[in-house]
Amino acid sequence: MDFRFLISLLWAVGLLLHEIRLLSYFQQIEYKTRRYWKWQLPRVFTVLPFAFYLVNGIGITIALILSLLNPTQYTDQISAVISGIIIIGIFAYEIKQPVIKKIVYTKRVLRILLVLIILNTAAFYFLSKGITNTGYLAPILIPMLWGLLFFLAPIFIFTSNFILLPLESLIKYFFLRKAANKIKILQPTVIGITGSYGKTSTKNILAHIISDQKIALATPKSYNTLMGICKVINTSLEKKHEIFIVEMGAYRKGEIRKICKLATPHLVTITSIGPQHIERFGSIDNIIDAKYEIISSLHTGGTAIFNLDDAKTEIFIERIKNHPVKLVSSSSNPRADLYAKNISCSSKGLSFEIYNRADGRRYICTTRLLGMHTVVNILIALAIAVELGINLSHAIEKIKSLKPVPHRLELTKTPEGLNIIDDAYNSNPVGARNAIETLGHFVGGKKILVTPGLVELGESEEVENTKLGDFAANTCDLVVLIGEDKINRIQYIQQGLLNNGMDEKCIKIIPSINEAFEFLRGHAVPGDTILLLNDLPDIYSDN
């Protein structure tokens, strides 16, 4: 095998590893070029660390010395030295980089990778043609050319995605058309669930309490976008399913309307309205308008269920026309059709009374789920179940066997005797406050908060992260902030903690979650409770 071909092959593998990592970030933001470019621009000159430049410089220095001694004799050695040192640096760098969410090799990702390989090959071929005639400098310039391609990697990803856009649009069209035809034929009763937070928990609670009365399919995990729901319909929805429970997410106005056009809901709920994703929406008013699309898309005679504890609910009640409305409340609001009183919350779960305005009866409800906010999610799910014809007593009985949703106030006990509250999927101010309140219910041992803070809050980021720190100071004995001390949100939380009297010694700033775990192994003891609050996507890991 030709020596230089082997070196180039190793370089190509190193470049592809780098592009795969960048592509994993691109996938996390749903292939949105503008948002990815906004994230990538500040990193153009910090793509590779100082160590990479160091080994690069060492390789080129050695090669220059060899070339001056005898450029003809040492041609291959020069290339080997430069490429060997730099490739080792590249592989070490790529392997070392922590990735919170690994890339999923979907068909779309594989298509992008194929185009990337073609672009890499073409770029190297055409650029290297001008180098081959540079004599003894060629072995030095070729590795430098590969280094240039590393900086071009984000542009190659954008270009690959752009080239594939017509094909992706065609695939999306047929995929959507197939799903629309299938749901039109099967005609299940569609339950639409949206809101700034509480969607997934409410969906899972509802699916559980109706599971032995109705054959239902709920969208899994975070399949709450148009194409994600299409995939569920095309692959999982069957004739036997009477109920289709659809979690509907959105980052901008119009997205929920498109989902409802595909799966027109018969029953809907808006769990809550808050500043979640306000960075993308632009304002609370835009969030309200986006969520209202689920109401305006209701089937004729369809019922809407609202949370009276949310201040924005009155806006929806005033807007709604020609649809029955059911109301729930966890604060004993007498206007509610179902409301809770005498709520008791502990490290073992929840216990509360439910009052049904329709028959005037009182019910006792208990669950192993944690968090005061869980009461509203349960009430919404119960109200939907009643609308589906499920007996309320039976539905409340099913609440006892509910299991926590993974990463949403999920409690585990380690062999070392530590309590771990995993709330990694929580990323909104209200949920964060509820999680810290839950931490406060644990008796004995230190209460430790581990968090990178809250993102996608736009202009509210400073206020909300400062409030988070201020609130945590009342409960926590130790706060571990994940990130660099230069990151704004870390500074805001730290300021909030200090403002409310927390000792600076009780605040630790640690760059990564893995390093935080190492720190806790030496500082947490049996009986301590650790709250893992919010696990940021990789694109927020250093800003």
Protein backbone atom coordinates (compact mmCIF):
# COMPACT_ATOMS: atom_id res chain seq x y z
CA MET A 1 0.00 0.00 0.00
CA ASP A 2 1.29 3.49 -0.87
CA PHE A 3 2.63 5.18 2.28
CA ARG A 4 1.11 8.58 1.59
CA PHE A 5 -2.24 6.99 0.81
CA LEU A 6 -2.19 5.32 4.24
CA ILE A 7 -1.38 8.65 5.94
CA SER A 8 -4.20 10.38 4.04
CA LEU A 9 -6.60 7.58 5.02
CA LEU A 10 -5.74 8.09 8.70
CA TRP A 11 -6.30 11.83 8.30
CA ALA A 12 -9.66 11.16 6.63
CA VAL A 13 -10.75 8.97 9.56
CA GLY A 14 -9.70 11.68 12.04
CA LEU A 15 -11.64 14.33 10.10
CA LEU A 16 -14.72 12.12 9.93
CA LEU A 17 -14.61 11.53 13.71
CA HIS A 18 -14.55 15.30 14.19
CA GLU A 19 -17.47 15.79 11.79
CA ILE A 20 -19.52 13.07 13.51
CA ARG A 21 -19.19 14.92 16.81
CA LEU A 22 -20.26 18.19 15.20
CA LEU A 23 -23.11 16.36 13.46
CA SER A 24 -24.35 15.06 16.83
CA TYR A 25 -24.87 18.70 17.90
CA PHE A 26 -26.59 19.44 14.58
CA GLN A 27 -28.96 16.53 15.21
CA GLN A 28 -29.78 17.78 18.72
CA ILE A 29 -31.15 21.04 17.31
CA GLU A 30 -33.16 19.20 14.65
CA TYR A 31 -30.92 20.18 11.72
CA LYS A 32 -31.72 23.90 12.08
CA THR A 33 -28.88 25.56 10.17
CA ARG A 34 -29.40 29.11 11.46
CA ARG A 35 -29.40 28.08 15.12
CA TYR A 36 -26.39 25.78 14.63
CA TRP A 37 -24.42 28.51 12.87
CA LYS A 38 -25.25 30.96 15.67
CA TRP A 39 -23.79 28.42 18.12
CA GLN A 40 -20.79 27.57 15.94
CA LEU A 41 -19.57 31.06 14.97
CA PRO A 42 -18.01 31.97 18.36
CA ARG A 43 -16.12 28.65 18.27
CA VAL A 44 -14.54 28.99 14.83
CA PHE A 45 -11.11 29.70 16.29
CA THR A 46 -11.46 27.46 19.34
CA VAL A 47 -12.49 24.24 17.59
CA LEU A 48 -9.27 22.52 18.64
CA PRO A 49 -7.50 23.08 21.96
CA PHE A 50 -4.05 24.46 22.63
CA ALA A 51 -2.65 20.91 22.88
CA PHE A 52 -3.61 20.28 19.26
CA TYR A 53 -1.70 23.35 18.07
CA LEU A 54 1.25 22.30 20.24
CA VAL A 55 1.61 18.83 18.71
CA ASN A 56 1.01 20.36 15.29
CA GLY A 57 3.86 22.80 15.89
CA ILE A 58 6.17 20.06 17.17
CA GLY A 59 5.51 17.96 14.07
CA ILE A 60 6.15 20.82 11.65
CA THR A 61 9.32 21.88 13.54
CA ILE A 62 10.81 18.38 13.36
CA ALA A 63 9.81 18.09 9.71
CA LEU A 64 11.45 21.42 8.83
CA ILE A 65 14.70 20.34 10.51
CA LEU A 66 14.67 17.07 8.55
CA SER A 67 13.88 18.84 5.30
CA LEU A 68 16.81 21.25 5.78
CA LEU A 69 19.19 18.35 6.44
CA ASN A 70 18.20 16.44 3.33
CA PRO A 71 14.82 17.21 1.74
CA THR A 72 15.04 14.38 -0.81
CA GLN A 73 16.10 11.60 1.55
CA TYR A 74 13.64 12.47 4.32
CA THR A 75 10.49 13.14 2.24
CA ASP A 76 8.52 10.18 3.58
CA GLN A 77 9.90 10.60 7.10
CA ILE A 78 8.80 14.24 7.11
CA SER A 79 5.27 13.30 6.15
CA ALA A 80 5.23 10.49 8.72
CA VAL A 81 6.43 12.72 11.57
CA ILE A 82 3.96 15.53 10.92
CA SER A 83 1.00 13.29 10.23
CA GLY A 84 1.81 10.84 13.03
CA ILE A 85 2.04 13.50 15.73
CA ILE A 86 -0.97 15.47 14.55
CA ILE A 87 -3.18 12.40 14.01
CA ILE A 88 -2.37 11.15 17.52
CA GLY A 89 -3.39 14.57 18.82
CA ILE A 90 -6.62 14.51 16.83
CA PHE A 91 -7.66 11.04 17.93
CA ALA A 92 -6.83 11.85 21.56
CA TYR A 93 -8.83 15.07 21.35
CA GLU A 94 -11.91 13.51 19.75
CA ILE A 95 -11.97 10.56 22.14
CA LYS A 96 -11.59 12.88 25.15
CA GLN A 97 -14.50 15.16 24.20
CA PRO A 98 -17.52 14.45 26.44
CA VAL A 99 -20.79 13.98 24.58
CA ILE A 100 -23.92 14.21 26.73
CA LYS A 101 -26.22 12.95 24.01
CA LYS A 102 -24.68 10.52 21.55
CA ILE A 103 -25.49 10.72 17.88
CA VAL A 104 -28.33 8.51 16.68
CA TYR A 105 -27.55 6.98 13.30
CA THR A 106 -30.87 7.63 11.64
CA LYS A 107 -31.27 7.34 7.88
CA ARG A 108 -30.96 11.10 7.59
CA VAL A 109 -27.68 11.13 9.51
CA LEU A 110 -26.31 8.35 7.32
CA ARG A 111 -27.24 10.34 4.21
CA ILE A 112 -25.43 13.41 5.57
CA LEU A 113 -22.38 11.30 6.42
CA LEU A 114 -22.25 9.89 2.89
CA VAL A 115 -22.28 13.40 1.39
CA LEU A 116 -19.64 14.50 3.94
CA ILE A 117 -17.29 11.72 2.85
CA ILE A 118 -17.73 12.75 -0.78
CA LEU A 119 -17.07 16.42 0.07
CA ASN A 120 -14.02 15.53 2.17
CA THR A 121 -12.57 13.47 -0.65
CA ALA A 122 -13.29 16.09 -3.31
CA ALA A 123 -11.88 18.95 -1.23
CA PHE A 124 -8.67 17.10 -0.43
CA TYR A 125 -8.21 15.96 -4.03
CA PHE A 126 -8.63 19.38 -5.65
CA LEU A 127 -6.73 21.32 -2.98
CA SER A 128 -3.82 18.83 -2.88
CA LYS A 129 -3.36 18.95 -6.67
CA GLY A 130 -1.77 22.36 -6.29
CA ILE A 131 0.55 21.10 -3.57
CA THR A 132 2.06 18.04 -5.24
CA ASN A 133 4.45 20.13 -7.33
CA THR A 134 5.89 22.11 -4.40
CA GLY A 135 8.85 19.77 -3.98
CA TYR A 136 10.19 19.15 -0.50
CA LEU A 137 7.45 21.35 1.02
CA ALA A 138 4.70 18.94 -0.07
CA PRO A 139 5.00 16.63 2.99
CA ILE A 140 4.57 19.68 5.22
CA LEU A 141 1.76 21.33 3.28
CA ILE A 142 -0.43 18.22 2.89
CA PRO A 143 -0.93 17.70 6.67
CA MET A 144 -1.51 21.45 6.98
CA LEU A 145 -4.18 21.11 4.29
CA TRP A 146 -5.93 18.41 6.31
CA GLY A 147 -5.79 20.76 9.31
CA LEU A 148 -7.54 23.40 7.22
CA LEU A 149 -10.30 20.92 6.43
CA PHE A 150 -10.92 20.56 10.16
CA PHE A 151 -11.85 24.22 10.33
CA LEU A 152 -14.09 23.79 7.30
CA ALA A 153 -15.95 20.86 8.89
CA PRO A 154 -18.96 22.95 10.07
CA ILE A 155 -19.31 24.41 6.56
CA PHE A 156 -19.18 20.89 5.10
CA ILE A 157 -22.03 19.87 7.43
CA PHE A 158 -24.15 22.85 6.36
CA THR A 159 -23.35 22.13 2.71
CA SER A 160 -24.24 18.44 3.04
CA ASN A 161 -27.54 19.32 4.66
CA PHE A 162 -28.27 21.93 1.96
CA ILE A 163 -27.51 19.47 -0.86
CA LEU A 164 -29.91 16.96 0.70
CA LEU A 165 -32.76 19.43 1.35
CA PRO A 166 -34.76 18.58 -1.82
CA LEU A 167 -34.48 14.86 -1.03
CA GLU A 168 -35.36 15.41 2.64
CA SER A 169 -38.41 17.49 1.66
CA LEU A 170 -39.60 14.73 -0.66
CA ILE A 171 -39.09 12.05 2.01
CA LYS A 172 -40.90 14.24 4.57
CA TYR A 173 -43.82 14.74 2.16
CA PHE A 174 -44.36 11.02 1.57
CA PHE A 175 -43.77 10.19 5.25
CA LEU A 176 -46.38 12.77 6.30
CA ARG A 177 -48.84 11.68 3.64
CA LYS A 178 -48.54 8.05 4.73
CA ALA A 179 -49.22 8.98 8.38
CA ALA A 180 -52.19 11.19 7.45
CA ASN A 181 -53.80 8.42 5.40
CA LYS A 182 -53.25 5.85 8.12
CA ILE A 183 -54.76 7.87 10.97
CA LYS A 184 -57.69 8.84 8.75
CA ILE A 185 -58.45 5.15 8.18
CA LEU A 186 -57.93 4.03 11.81
CA GLN A 187 -59.73 7.03 13.40
CA PRO A 188 -58.64 6.66 17.04
CA THR A 189 -59.81 9.12 19.69
CA VAL A 190 -56.93 11.61 19.85
CA ILE A 191 -55.90 13.23 23.14
CA GLY A 192 -53.70 16.29 22.62
CA ILE A 193 -51.42 17.40 25.46
CA THR A 194 -49.30 20.54 25.33
CA GLY A 195 -47.89 23.14 27.71
CA SER A 196 -44.59 24.70 28.72
CA TYR A 197 -44.02 21.91 31.24
CA GLY A 198 -45.85 18.88 32.62
CA LYS A 199 -46.66 17.42 29.18
CA THR A 200 -44.69 14.20 29.41
CA SER A 201 -45.66 13.45 33.02
CA THR A 202 -49.36 14.05 32.33
CA LYS A 203 -49.19 11.88 29.21
CA ASN A 204 -47.61 8.98 31.11
CA ILE A 205 -50.00 9.27 34.06
CA LEU A 206 -52.99 9.22 31.70
CA ALA A 207 -51.67 6.24 29.74
CA HIS A 208 -51.22 4.32 32.99
CA ILE A 209 -54.61 4.99 34.56
CA ILE A 210 -56.62 4.06 31.44
CA SER A 211 -54.42 1.09 30.47
CA ASP A 212 -56.77 -1.62 31.77
CA GLN A 213 -59.93 0.03 30.42
CA LYS A 214 -58.87 1.29 27.00
CA ILE A 215 -56.37 0.10 24.40
CA ALA A 216 -54.22 3.19 24.07
CA LEU A 217 -51.02 4.25 22.35
CA ALA A 218 -49.02 7.18 23.75
CA THR A 219 -46.22 8.90 21.88
CA PRO A 220 -42.98 7.66 23.48
CA LYS A 221 -40.21 9.65 25.15
CA SER A 222 -39.91 13.05 23.50
CA TYR A 223 -41.62 12.25 20.21
CA ASN A 224 -43.55 15.51 20.28
CA THR A 225 -42.67 17.08 16.92
CA LEU A 226 -44.58 16.68 13.66
CA MET A 227 -42.14 14.18 12.14
CA GLY A 228 -41.68 12.32 15.41
CA ILE A 229 -45.46 11.83 15.70
CA CYS A 230 -45.56 10.78 12.03
CA LYS A 231 -43.04 8.07 12.86
CA VAL A 232 -45.18 6.83 15.77
CA ILE A 233 -48.26 6.67 13.53
CA ASN A 234 -46.46 4.91 10.70
CA THR A 235 -44.67 2.35 12.87
CA SER A 236 -46.80 1.81 16.00
CA LEU A 237 -50.44 2.90 15.59
CA GLU A 238 -52.70 -0.10 14.92
CA LYS A 239 -56.38 -0.78 14.37
CA LYS A 240 -56.73 -2.10 17.94
CA HIS A 241 -55.82 1.29 19.46
CA GLU A 242 -58.94 3.11 20.65
CA ILE A 243 -57.01 6.05 22.10
CA PHE A 244 -54.00 7.91 20.71
CA ILE A 245 -52.34 10.14 23.35
CA VAL A 246 -50.21 12.75 21.60
CA GLU A 247 -47.72 15.02 23.35
CA MET A 248 -47.41 18.17 21.22
CA GLY A 249 -44.31 20.33 21.53
CA ALA A 250 -43.40 23.54 19.72
CA TYR A 251 -40.59 26.04 19.35
CA ARG A 252 -42.53 28.52 17.23
CA LYS A 253 -46.07 29.42 16.21
CA GLY A 254 -47.70 27.13 13.66
CA GLU A 255 -46.02 23.88 14.73
CA ILE A 256 -48.88 22.64 16.95
CA ARG A 257 -51.40 23.53 14.25
CA LYS A 258 -49.54 21.27 11.82
CA ILE A 259 -49.57 18.40 14.32
CA CYS A 260 -53.30 18.88 14.91
CA LYS A 261 -53.94 18.89 11.18
CA LEU A 262 -52.33 15.44 11.10
CA ALA A 263 -54.00 14.14 14.28
CA THR A 264 -57.05 16.30 15.03
CA PRO A 265 -57.69 16.05 18.80
CA HIS A 266 -61.02 15.17 20.46
CA LEU A 267 -59.78 16.12 23.95
CA VAL A 268 -57.02 18.59 24.74
CA THR A 269 -55.19 20.09 27.68
CA ILE A 270 -52.70 22.92 28.16
CA THR A 271 -50.86 21.92 31.31
CA SER A 272 -49.13 25.27 31.96
CA ILE A 273 -47.64 28.38 30.39
CA GLY A 274 -44.18 29.64 31.29
CA PRO A 275 -40.93 31.05 29.86
CA GLN A 276 -39.65 27.67 28.65
CA HIS A 277 -38.03 28.12 25.17
CA ILE A 278 -38.80 31.86 25.26
CA GLU A 279 -35.44 32.43 23.57
CA ARG A 280 -36.90 30.81 20.46
CA PHE A 281 -40.49 32.04 20.82
CA GLY A 282 -39.52 35.63 21.52
CA SER A 283 -42.25 36.41 24.07
CA ILE A 284 -44.82 34.89 26.43
CA ASP A 285 -47.58 36.15 24.12
CA ASN A 286 -46.12 34.09 21.29
CA ILE A 287 -46.05 31.03 23.57
CA ILE A 288 -49.72 31.59 24.47
CA ASP A 289 -50.68 31.92 20.80
CA ALA A 290 -48.72 28.79 19.91
CA LYS A 291 -50.34 26.70 22.64
CA TYR A 292 -53.82 28.01 21.78
CA GLU A 293 -53.48 26.32 18.38
CA ILE A 294 -54.38 23.03 20.08
CA ILE A 295 -57.73 24.57 21.15
CA SER A 296 -58.53 26.11 17.77
CA SER A 297 -57.90 22.71 16.17
CA LEU A 298 -60.33 20.77 18.41
CA HIS A 299 -62.93 18.48 16.85
CA THR A 300 -66.46 19.88 16.96
CA GLY A 301 -67.80 19.32 20.46
CA GLY A 302 -64.33 18.39 21.76
CA THR A 303 -63.50 19.17 25.39
CA ALA A 304 -60.65 21.34 26.71
CA ILE A 305 -59.20 20.76 30.18
CA PHE A 306 -57.29 23.52 31.95
CA ASN A 307 -55.18 24.00 35.06
CA LEU A 308 -56.78 26.82 37.09
CA ASP A 309 -53.59 27.22 39.12
CA ASP A 310 -51.85 28.64 36.06
CA ALA A 311 -52.33 32.39 35.76
CA LYS A 312 -52.56 32.25 31.96
CA THR A 313 -55.53 29.83 31.99
CA GLU A 314 -58.06 32.68 32.10
CA ILE A 315 -56.77 33.87 28.71
CA PHE A 316 -57.65 30.51 27.16
CA ILE A 317 -61.04 30.31 28.89
CA GLU A 318 -61.95 33.74 27.52
CA ARG A 319 -60.84 32.80 24.00
CA ILE A 320 -62.48 29.39 23.73
CA LYS A 321 -65.72 29.18 21.76
CA ASN A 322 -68.24 26.36 21.31
CA HIS A 323 -66.33 23.76 23.32
CA PRO A 324 -67.02 22.31 26.78
CA VAL A 325 -64.39 23.22 29.40
CA LYS A 326 -63.28 21.24 32.46
CA LEU A 327 -61.11 22.79 35.16
CA VAL A 328 -58.74 21.31 37.76
CA SER A 329 -56.87 22.88 40.68
CA SER A 330 -54.37 21.77 43.30
CA SER A 331 -55.14 24.84 45.43
CA SER A 332 -58.77 24.09 46.39
CA ASN A 333 -60.18 26.49 43.80
CA PRO A 334 -63.97 25.96 44.06
CA ARG A 335 -64.45 26.76 40.35
CA ALA A 336 -62.62 23.55 39.47
CA ASP A 337 -64.46 20.37 38.51
CA LEU A 338 -61.71 18.38 40.25
CA TYR A 339 -59.60 19.95 42.98
CA ALA A 340 -57.16 18.81 45.63
CA LYS A 341 -56.96 19.67 49.32
CA ASN A 342 -54.83 18.70 52.31
CA ILE A 343 -51.79 17.80 50.21
CA SER A 344 -49.03 16.00 52.10
CA CYS A 345 -45.65 15.67 50.41
CA SER A 346 -42.68 13.70 51.73
CA SER A 347 -39.68 11.76 50.49
CA LYS A 348 -42.01 8.76 50.17
CA GLY A 349 -44.48 10.43 47.82
CA LEU A 350 -47.78 12.31 47.87
CA SER A 351 -51.07 11.98 49.67
CA PHE A 352 -54.07 14.28 49.12
CA GLU A 353 -57.84 14.54 48.94
CA ILE A 354 -59.67 14.96 45.63
CA TYR A 355 -63.06 16.65 45.47
CA ASN A 356 -65.36 15.99 42.52
CA ARG A 357 -67.79 18.87 42.00
CA ALA A 358 -70.05 16.73 39.77
CA ASP A 359 -71.10 14.32 42.54
CA GLY A 360 -69.84 16.14 45.64
CA ARG A 361 -67.73 13.15 46.69
CA ARG A 362 -64.31 13.15 48.34
CA TYR A 363 -61.57 10.69 47.38
CA ILE A 364 -58.19 9.88 48.94
CA CYS A 365 -55.27 9.68 46.49
CA THR A 366 -51.77 8.40 47.24
CA THR A 367 -48.76 7.97 44.98
CA ARG A 368 -45.05 7.27 45.14
CA LEU A 369 -44.42 10.17 42.76
CA LEU A 370 -42.56 13.16 44.16
CA GLY A 371 -43.21 16.89 43.87
CA MET A 372 -46.15 19.16 44.63
CA HIS A 373 -46.56 20.00 40.93
CA THR A 374 -47.33 16.33 40.29
CA VAL A 375 -50.77 16.87 41.88
CA VAL A 376 -51.90 19.06 38.96
CA ASN A 377 -50.61 16.54 36.41
CA ILE A 378 -52.59 13.79 38.15
CA LEU A 379 -55.76 15.91 38.27
CA ILE A 380 -55.53 16.72 34.55
CA ALA A 381 -55.03 13.04 33.70
CA LEU A 382 -57.99 12.06 35.90
CA ALA A 383 -60.22 14.69 34.27
CA ILE A 384 -59.34 13.35 30.81
CA ALA A 385 -59.95 9.78 31.98
CA VAL A 386 -63.43 10.71 33.24
CA GLU A 387 -64.21 12.31 29.85
CA LEU A 388 -63.22 8.99 28.26
CA GLY A 389 -65.76 7.17 30.41
CA ILE A 390 -63.38 5.81 33.07
CA ASN A 391 -64.81 5.53 36.57
CA LEU A 392 -63.12 8.13 38.80
CA SER A 393 -62.74 5.77 41.78
CA HIS A 394 -61.06 3.19 39.55
CA ALA A 395 -58.76 5.80 38.01
CA ILE A 396 -57.69 7.10 41.43
CA GLU A 397 -56.94 3.56 42.56
CA LYS A 398 -54.61 3.17 39.57
CA ILE A 399 -52.63 6.21 40.75
CA LYS A 400 -51.19 4.08 43.59
CA SER A 401 -49.22 1.95 41.15
CA LEU A 402 -47.73 4.83 39.15
CA LYS A 403 -43.98 4.69 38.61
CA PRO A 404 -41.80 7.78 38.12
CA VAL A 405 -40.97 8.83 34.58
CA PRO A 406 -37.22 8.30 34.03
CA HIS A 407 -35.20 11.47 34.78
CA ARG A 408 -38.23 13.34 36.14
CA LEU A 409 -37.95 13.40 39.93
CA GLU A 410 -36.93 9.75 39.76
CA LEU A 411 -35.70 8.61 43.17
CA THR A 412 -33.05 5.90 43.54
CA LYS A 413 -30.88 4.79 46.44
CA THR A 414 -27.26 3.88 45.74
CA PRO A 415 -25.47 0.91 47.35
CA GLU A 416 -23.49 3.51 49.33
CA GLY A 417 -26.71 4.80 50.93
CA LEU A 418 -27.11 8.03 48.94
CA ASN A 419 -30.52 9.28 47.80
CA ILE A 420 -30.40 10.41 44.17
CA ILE A 421 -33.27 12.51 42.79
CA ASP A 422 -32.82 12.43 39.03
CA ASP A 423 -34.60 15.43 37.51
CA ALA A 424 -32.29 15.74 34.51
CA TYR A 425 -35.12 16.40 32.04
CA ASN A 426 -36.40 19.38 34.01
CA SER A 427 -35.26 22.64 32.44
CA ASN A 428 -37.84 25.30 33.39
CA PRO A 429 -38.00 27.73 36.32
CA VAL A 430 -41.23 26.40 37.87
CA GLY A 431 -40.13 22.78 37.65
CA ALA A 432 -36.72 23.67 39.10
CA ARG A 433 -38.34 25.34 42.09
CA ASN A 434 -40.61 22.32 42.62
CA ALA A 435 -37.63 19.98 42.46
CA ILE A 436 -35.74 21.96 45.10
CA GLU A 437 -38.86 21.95 47.30
CA THR A 438 -38.93 18.17 46.92
CA LEU A 439 -35.28 18.00 47.98
CA GLY A 440 -36.28 19.91 51.11
CA HIS A 441 -38.67 17.14 52.14
CA PHE A 442 -35.81 14.68 52.73
CA VAL A 443 -34.89 14.39 56.39
CA GLY A 444 -31.34 13.74 57.58
CA GLY A 445 -28.05 14.12 55.76
CA LYS A 446 -26.87 16.94 53.53
CA LYS A 447 -29.04 18.27 50.71
CA ILE A 448 -26.91 18.66 47.59
CA LEU A 449 -27.94 20.36 44.35
CA VAL A 450 -26.09 19.58 41.10
CA THR A 451 -27.11 21.76 38.14
CA PRO A 452 -25.77 23.58 35.06
CA GLY A 453 -28.59 26.13 35.35
CA LEU A 454 -31.45 27.08 33.05
CA VAL A 455 -31.20 27.98 29.36
CA GLU A 456 -33.40 29.18 26.46
CA LEU A 457 -34.94 31.87 28.65
CA GLY A 458 -33.94 34.84 26.51
CA GLU A 459 -33.85 38.09 28.46
CA SER A 460 -35.17 36.26 31.54
CA GLU A 461 -32.04 34.10 31.87
CA GLU A 462 -30.33 36.38 34.38
CA VAL A 463 -33.45 36.86 36.52
CA GLU A 464 -34.50 33.20 36.55
CA ASN A 465 -31.04 31.79 37.28
CA THR A 466 -30.51 34.35 40.04
CA LYS A 467 -33.89 33.33 41.51
CA LEU A 468 -32.85 29.68 41.24
CA GLY A 469 -29.75 30.40 43.33
CA ASP A 470 -31.69 32.52 45.80
CA PHE A 471 -34.29 29.78 46.30
CA ALA A 472 -31.74 26.97 46.52
CA ALA A 473 -29.85 28.77 49.29
CA ASN A 474 -32.83 28.20 51.62
CA THR A 475 -32.73 24.42 51.14
CA CYS A 476 -29.30 23.22 50.07
CA ASP A 477 -26.20 22.54 52.15
CA LEU A 478 -23.99 22.22 49.07
CA VAL A 479 -24.48 23.42 45.49
CA VAL A 480 -22.39 22.04 42.62
CA LEU A 481 -22.60 24.17 39.47
CA ILE A 482 -21.67 22.42 36.22
CA GLY A 483 -19.73 24.62 33.82
CA GLU A 484 -17.00 27.26 33.78
CA ASP A 485 -17.10 30.20 36.17
CA LYS A 486 -17.08 32.58 33.16
CA ILE A 487 -20.47 31.29 31.95
CA ASN A 488 -23.20 33.86 32.61
CA ARG A 489 -25.82 31.49 34.02
CA ILE A 490 -23.26 30.04 36.47
CA GLN A 491 -22.44 33.55 37.68
CA TYR A 492 -26.16 34.38 38.08
CA ILE A 493 -26.87 31.27 40.19
CA GLN A 494 -23.77 31.88 42.28
CA GLN A 495 -24.83 35.47 42.89
CA GLY A 496 -28.31 34.34 43.94
CA LEU A 497 -26.82 31.84 46.39
CA LEU A 498 -24.47 34.43 47.92
CA ASN A 499 -27.22 37.06 48.08
CA ASN A 500 -29.28 34.75 50.26
CA GLY A 501 -26.46 34.03 52.67
CA MET A 502 -24.90 30.79 51.43
CA ASP A 503 -21.27 30.39 52.42
CA GLU A 504 -18.98 30.60 49.40
CA LYS A 505 -17.27 27.41 50.60
CA CYS A 506 -20.55 25.56 50.01
CA ILE A 507 -20.58 26.50 46.29
CA LYS A 508 -18.45 24.42 43.93
CA ILE A 509 -18.03 25.18 40.22
CA ILE A 510 -16.95 22.06 38.31
CA PRO A 511 -16.46 21.91 34.51
CA SER A 512 -18.30 18.65 33.72
CA ILE A 513 -20.87 16.30 35.21
CA ASN A 514 -18.35 13.44 35.29
CA GLU A 515 -15.93 15.55 37.34
CA ALA A 516 -18.84 16.51 39.59
CA PHE A 517 -19.57 12.83 40.28
CA GLU A 518 -15.90 12.31 41.15
CA PHE A 519 -16.09 15.24 43.56
CA LEU A 520 -19.26 13.89 45.20
CA ARG A 521 -17.71 10.46 45.73
CA GLY A 522 -15.32 12.12 48.14
CA HIS A 523 -17.76 14.54 49.77
CA ALA A 524 -21.18 12.83 49.97
CA VAL A 525 -21.84 10.34 52.76
CA PRO A 526 -24.64 7.80 53.43
CA GLY A 527 -27.93 9.57 54.14
CA ASP A 528 -27.17 12.56 51.90
CA THR A 529 -29.64 13.45 49.12
CA ILE A 530 -28.41 14.65 45.73
CA LEU A 531 -30.71 16.44 43.27
CA LEU A 532 -29.56 16.27 39.63
CA LEU A 533 -31.37 19.23 38.09
CA ASN A 534 -31.32 19.71 34.31
CA ASP A 535 -28.91 17.99 31.94
CA LEU A 536 -28.10 20.50 29.20
CA PRO A 537 -27.70 19.52 25.55
CA ASP A 538 -24.09 19.55 24.33
CA ILE A 539 -24.59 22.86 22.52
CA TYR A 540 -24.96 24.59 25.91
CA SER A 541 -22.05 22.80 27.55
CA ASP A 542 -19.66 25.74 27.23
CA ASN A 543 -21.75 28.89 27.03
